[in-house]
Each structure stands twice: as structure tokens, then as C-alpha cells.
Amino acid sequence: MISYSHKDNDICHRIYKTLTARDFRVWIDLEGMHGAVMQVMANAVKQSRCILICMSESYYLSPYSQSEAQFAFEKQRVLIPIKVQSGYKPDGWLAFLTSGRIYVDFMKTDFNAAFDKVVSEIASSRADEKDSSLILLRSNKSETSTIKSQLLPTSSNQSKHLKSRIGRFEDDPAEKNTETGNKQSSLQACVAGLQERVELMDTRFEKINDSLNWIMAAITRVKMAKDNPPYIENPKSKSYSK
């Protein structure tokens, strides 16, 4: 999406045409919107991933431009600030929104060179988005593994039963004879992994049991103290003989 002031039509329309020539899908208000302007602008921002902020004095003074840019900021769209007025320095709300971002100056740089920088910024934002998706995917996989580990049997009887099944598997000659070479090694590694998990579960069960015993003892002490509060003698009630 290109967010701009219509007083900067020439340079902004040229940027739009060059982007579309390179097969970019771009939303821009070419003729000037009428009717429900704010709703149209909001829909355009929601449907866009990157917003080109065409900075100039007229853009800064336009309430529509301010609303559009701030809405894009709130929706966490990628903002790419570009200067379309010679010598202009962003101020106020525009300086706040574009602070810390790389400017592309179409007034100081050859158009094609500046345009290539814009394309590079768009490509960079896509790469960042893919990296974020990959990190999220890895995080979800980690959470899934944690959930699976928590869904293992939750009682000592079940863990003992699992141990006995593993023991029978290891001692069964028929099972051993059916696997050779790498398959046998793989099964042994699997069995060892299962045994480690069972031992880990036993340790956790013991810790949970100890914690429960401590809690029950604490509850008992509190209840006893409530039913039989200790007698505290009031020093003022004592009588003294002279």
C-alpha cells in the first residue's frame, strides 16, 4: 500500500507504476476517495503487509494521512518511510512513527537506485516474516513435545507395568531373533530411552508424593491450632502482693 498526499502525485504515482510493472500488488488511491473514506482506508491497511509512507509537509499536515499511518502502526504493518519532498525532515507524530526506520530518499538519490532500495526493504520484511514463522513453528514443536511428555502414565503402578513389559521384550528370544544389525541397535536405543523416561517418572512421583505429605501435615497443624489455640496469659491480669 502507498500512503501519500495527493499534492505529491507525480513521484508517488511513478513509484506505484514501477512497482506494478515488477508484479507487485499495490493498493493506492489514484483519484481521491469519496464517501466512507476512513473505512476504505482501514480495509486497505488490513489487506496490506507493507505500507510505503511518502513523507512530505503536505502528508504531515493531512489528518487523513495521519489516521492512515497511525492505523497501520497499530496493526503492526511493515512501515517503509520514503522522502518525496526535497529537504523535508519529519516532525511530530510522523517523526515518532518513523523513528529508527531506514529512510529511502527519492530526492537525493536517482529514482531507480532509490526504487531498488524500496524493493530491498520489502524483500527484507518478507525474510523477517519467514524467520518469525520458523521460530513460531519450532516453539510449537517444543510445546507439543512437552505436552506429550506430560501425558505419560501418572501412577507408579502404570510405570511398573511398563517396566515389566520392557523387561519381557528384552528377554524374549523370538523378539531378538527377528531384528538384526541396525534394527536391533535402534530397538535397544528405544528401550533405553523408555527406561530413562520411566525412571524420570518415578522420581517425579516421589517428589509429588513428598509435597503432598508436607501439605497434608501443614493443613493438620493449622487445623489443630484453630481447634485448640494456645493460651496466652495477659500480663496485666496478674496480681502482685506487696
Protein backbone atom coordinates (compact mmCIF):
# COMPACT_ATOMS: atom_id res chain seq x y z
CA MET A 1 0.00 0.00 0.00
CA ILE A 2 1.17 3.54 -0.78
CA SER A 3 0.12 6.15 1.78
CA TYR A 4 0.65 9.63 0.35
CA SER A 5 -0.67 13.16 -0.08
CA HIS A 6 -2.27 13.99 -3.43
CA LYS A 7 -0.03 17.04 -3.62
CA ASP A 8 2.82 14.57 -4.21
CA ASN A 9 1.04 12.76 -7.06
CA ASP A 10 3.84 12.78 -9.62
CA ILE A 11 6.54 10.93 -7.68
CA CYS A 12 4.10 8.65 -5.80
CA HIS A 13 2.24 7.57 -8.96
CA ARG A 14 5.58 6.85 -10.63
CA ILE A 15 6.56 4.61 -7.71
CA TYR A 16 3.19 2.85 -7.99
CA LYS A 17 3.57 2.21 -11.73
CA THR A 18 7.12 0.90 -11.30
CA LEU A 19 6.03 -1.48 -8.54
CA THR A 20 3.14 -2.89 -10.56
CA ALA A 21 5.47 -3.30 -13.54
CA ARG A 22 7.52 -5.63 -11.36
CA ASP A 23 4.41 -7.66 -10.48
CA PHE A 24 3.85 -6.18 -7.02
CA ARG A 25 0.23 -5.95 -5.92
CA VAL A 26 -0.20 -2.39 -4.72
CA TRP A 27 -3.17 -0.50 -3.29
CA ILE A 28 -3.22 3.25 -3.90
CA ASP A 29 -5.88 5.95 -4.04
CA LEU A 30 -5.26 7.34 -7.53
CA GLU A 31 -8.28 9.60 -7.95
CA GLY A 32 -9.17 10.65 -4.40
CA MET A 33 -11.62 8.75 -2.26
CA HIS A 34 -15.19 9.80 -1.58
CA GLY A 35 -17.87 8.61 0.83
CA ALA A 36 -16.77 6.35 3.70
CA VAL A 37 -13.13 7.38 3.39
CA MET A 38 -11.95 6.08 6.77
CA GLN A 39 -13.49 2.65 6.22
CA VAL A 40 -11.87 2.31 2.81
CA MET A 41 -8.51 3.32 4.26
CA ALA A 42 -8.87 0.86 7.14
CA ASN A 43 -9.69 -2.02 4.78
CA ALA A 44 -6.71 -1.14 2.59
CA VAL A 45 -4.35 -1.21 5.58
CA LYS A 46 -5.74 -4.55 6.80
CA GLN A 47 -5.21 -6.13 3.36
CA SER A 48 -1.64 -4.85 3.02
CA ARG A 49 1.58 -6.21 4.51
CA CYS A 50 3.89 -3.26 3.77
CA ILE A 51 2.96 0.44 3.84
CA LEU A 52 5.07 2.99 1.95
CA ILE A 53 4.89 6.22 3.98
CA CYS A 54 5.52 9.04 1.46
CA MET A 55 6.80 11.76 3.76
CA SER A 56 6.34 15.44 2.95
CA GLU A 57 5.00 18.58 4.60
CA SER A 58 1.59 18.11 2.98
CA TYR A 59 1.48 14.48 4.15
CA TYR A 60 2.30 15.55 7.70
CA LEU A 61 -0.46 18.18 7.72
CA SER A 62 -3.15 15.85 6.32
CA PRO A 63 -5.44 14.39 9.03
CA TYR A 64 -6.33 11.50 6.69
CA SER A 65 -2.66 10.65 6.19
CA GLN A 66 -2.08 10.73 9.95
CA SER A 67 -5.04 8.44 10.63
CA GLU A 68 -3.91 6.04 7.90
CA ALA A 69 -0.30 5.87 9.12
CA GLN A 70 -1.25 5.50 12.78
CA PHE A 71 -3.74 2.74 11.99
CA ALA A 72 -1.03 0.88 10.03
CA PHE A 73 1.30 1.27 13.02
CA GLU A 74 -1.34 -0.10 15.41
CA LYS A 75 -1.94 -3.08 13.10
CA GLN A 76 1.83 -3.77 13.16
CA ARG A 77 2.24 -3.46 9.41
CA VAL A 78 5.72 -3.02 7.95
CA LEU A 79 6.26 0.73 7.56
CA ILE A 80 8.75 1.84 4.90
CA PRO A 81 9.28 5.64 5.08
CA ILE A 82 10.31 7.38 1.86
CA LYS A 83 11.04 11.09 1.36
CA VAL A 84 9.22 12.64 -1.57
CA GLN A 85 9.94 16.31 -0.74
CA SER A 86 13.40 17.80 -1.02
CA GLY A 87 14.90 18.79 2.34
CA TYR A 88 11.89 17.65 4.36
CA LYS A 89 12.53 16.42 7.91
CA PRO A 90 9.71 14.53 9.63
CA ASP A 91 8.28 16.11 12.76
CA GLY A 92 5.68 15.38 15.43
CA TRP A 93 3.60 12.23 15.00
CA LEU A 94 5.34 11.38 11.71
CA ALA A 95 8.78 11.50 13.33
CA PHE A 96 7.50 9.23 16.09
CA LEU A 97 6.09 6.61 13.70
CA THR A 98 9.19 6.50 11.51
CA SER A 99 11.79 6.75 14.28
CA GLY A 100 14.51 4.12 13.99
CA ARG A 101 13.45 3.06 10.49
CA ILE A 102 15.57 3.30 7.34
CA TYR A 103 14.51 6.19 5.07
CA VAL A 104 14.62 5.97 1.31
CA ASP A 105 15.21 9.46 -0.10
CA PHE A 106 13.89 9.82 -3.65
CA MET A 107 15.01 13.46 -3.75
CA LYS A 108 18.73 12.91 -3.09
CA THR A 109 19.09 9.62 -4.96
CA ASP A 110 18.49 8.59 -8.56
CA PHE A 111 14.93 7.24 -8.92
CA ASN A 112 16.00 3.75 -9.99
CA ALA A 113 18.55 3.47 -7.17
CA ALA A 114 16.01 4.68 -4.61
CA PHE A 115 13.39 2.32 -6.00
CA ASP A 116 15.78 -0.62 -5.69
CA LYS A 117 16.21 0.26 -2.01
CA VAL A 118 12.43 0.16 -1.56
CA VAL A 119 12.29 -3.28 -3.18
CA SER A 120 15.15 -4.40 -0.92
CA GLU A 121 13.24 -3.23 2.16
CA ILE A 122 10.14 -5.13 1.02
CA ALA A 123 12.19 -8.28 0.44
CA SER A 124 13.86 -7.88 3.84
CA SER A 125 10.48 -7.64 5.55
CA ARG A 126 9.41 -10.87 3.85
CA ALA A 127 12.55 -12.64 5.08
CA ASP A 128 11.93 -11.41 8.63
CA GLU A 129 8.36 -12.68 8.42
CA LYS A 130 9.56 -16.15 7.33
CA ASP A 131 12.11 -16.23 10.17
CA SER A 132 9.38 -15.33 12.67
CA SER A 133 7.16 -18.09 11.29
CA LEU A 134 10.02 -20.59 11.58
CA ILE A 135 10.69 -19.58 15.18
CA LEU A 136 6.99 -19.91 15.97
CA LEU A 137 6.92 -23.35 14.33
CA ARG A 138 9.90 -24.50 16.37
CA SER A 139 8.28 -23.15 19.53
CA ASN A 140 5.06 -25.03 18.78
CA LYS A 141 7.01 -28.25 18.21
CA SER A 142 8.75 -27.80 21.54
CA GLU A 143 5.44 -27.19 23.30
CA THR A 144 3.98 -30.30 21.64
CA SER A 145 6.90 -32.41 22.87
CA THR A 146 6.41 -31.05 26.39
CA ILE A 147 2.70 -31.87 26.30
CA LYS A 148 3.40 -35.39 25.06
CA SER A 149 5.89 -35.98 27.87
CA GLN A 150 3.30 -34.81 30.38
CA LEU A 151 0.75 -37.29 29.01
CA LEU A 152 2.81 -40.32 30.04
CA PRO A 153 1.32 -42.67 32.74
CA THR A 154 0.71 -40.83 36.01
CA SER A 155 0.89 -43.58 38.62
CA SER A 156 3.63 -45.82 39.99
CA ASN A 157 1.62 -48.95 39.11
CA GLN A 158 1.49 -47.92 35.47
CA SER A 159 5.22 -47.22 35.44
CA LYS A 160 5.93 -50.64 37.00
CA HIS A 161 3.72 -52.27 34.39
CA LEU A 162 5.66 -50.50 31.67
CA LYS A 163 8.94 -51.67 33.20
CA SER A 164 7.74 -55.28 33.22
CA ARG A 165 6.70 -55.04 29.58
CA ILE A 166 10.12 -53.65 28.67
CA GLY A 167 11.79 -56.48 30.61
CA ARG A 168 9.76 -59.13 28.80
CA PHE A 169 10.65 -57.54 25.49
CA GLU A 170 14.38 -57.61 26.29
CA ASP A 171 14.31 -61.24 27.49
CA ASP A 172 12.18 -62.64 24.65
CA PRO A 173 14.47 -64.59 22.25
CA ALA A 174 11.87 -64.54 19.50
CA GLU A 175 11.85 -60.77 19.52
CA LYS A 176 15.62 -60.58 19.45
CA ASN A 177 15.91 -63.02 16.58
CA THR A 178 13.53 -61.02 14.38
CA GLU A 179 15.77 -57.97 14.39
CA THR A 180 19.36 -57.79 13.20
CA GLY A 181 22.04 -55.19 12.66
CA ASN A 182 20.89 -51.62 12.72
CA LYS A 183 17.26 -52.51 13.55
CA GLN A 184 18.35 -54.30 16.72
CA SER A 185 20.50 -51.35 17.76
CA SER A 186 17.62 -49.00 17.09
CA LEU A 187 15.26 -51.06 19.25
CA GLN A 188 17.78 -51.23 22.07
CA ALA A 189 18.17 -47.47 21.97
CA CYS A 190 14.39 -47.11 22.04
CA VAL A 191 14.14 -49.42 25.05
CA ALA A 192 16.86 -47.50 26.86
CA GLY A 193 15.03 -44.26 26.19
CA LEU A 194 11.80 -45.70 27.56
CA GLN A 195 13.57 -46.91 30.68
CA GLU A 196 15.02 -43.45 31.27
CA ARG A 197 11.55 -41.94 30.98
CA VAL A 198 10.12 -44.45 33.43
CA GLU A 199 12.87 -43.67 35.94
CA LEU A 200 12.23 -39.96 35.48
CA MET A 201 8.53 -40.54 36.13
CA ASP A 202 9.30 -42.45 39.31
CA THR A 203 11.42 -39.54 40.53
CA ARG A 204 8.66 -37.08 39.77
CA PHE A 205 6.08 -39.24 41.53
CA GLU A 206 8.26 -39.36 44.64
CA LYS A 207 8.65 -35.58 44.66
CA ILE A 208 4.91 -35.08 44.18
CA ASN A 209 4.18 -37.54 46.99
CA ASP A 210 6.60 -35.75 49.33
CA SER A 211 4.99 -32.42 48.50
CA LEU A 212 1.51 -33.79 49.17
CA ASN A 213 2.61 -35.24 52.51
CA TRP A 214 4.08 -31.88 53.51
CA ILE A 215 0.88 -30.05 52.52
CA MET A 216 -1.30 -32.51 54.45
CA ALA A 217 0.88 -32.13 57.53
CA ALA A 218 0.68 -28.35 57.28
CA ILE A 219 -3.11 -28.49 56.97
CA THR A 220 -3.29 -30.75 60.03
CA ARG A 221 -1.15 -28.34 62.07
CA VAL A 222 -3.30 -25.38 61.06
CA LYS A 223 -6.48 -27.25 61.94
CA MET A 224 -5.12 -28.29 65.34
CA ALA A 225 -4.07 -24.73 66.08
CA LYS A 226 -7.53 -23.50 65.14
CA ASP A 227 -9.34 -26.08 67.30
CA ASN A 228 -7.02 -25.71 70.29
CA PRO A 229 -5.50 -22.24 70.25
CA PRO A 230 -2.58 -21.81 72.68
CA TYR A 231 -3.36 -19.98 75.92
CA ILE A 232 -1.51 -16.69 76.22
CA GLU A 233 -1.57 -15.16 79.67
CA ASN A 234 -2.21 -11.42 79.82
CA PRO A 235 0.47 -9.80 81.97
CA LYS A 236 -1.98 -7.10 83.07
CA SER A 237 -4.25 -9.68 84.67
CA LYS A 238 -1.58 -10.81 87.14
CA SER A 239 -1.92 -9.73 90.76
CA TYR A 240 1.09 -8.84 92.74
CA SER A 241 1.47 -8.88 96.53
CA LYS A 242 3.37 -6.13 98.21
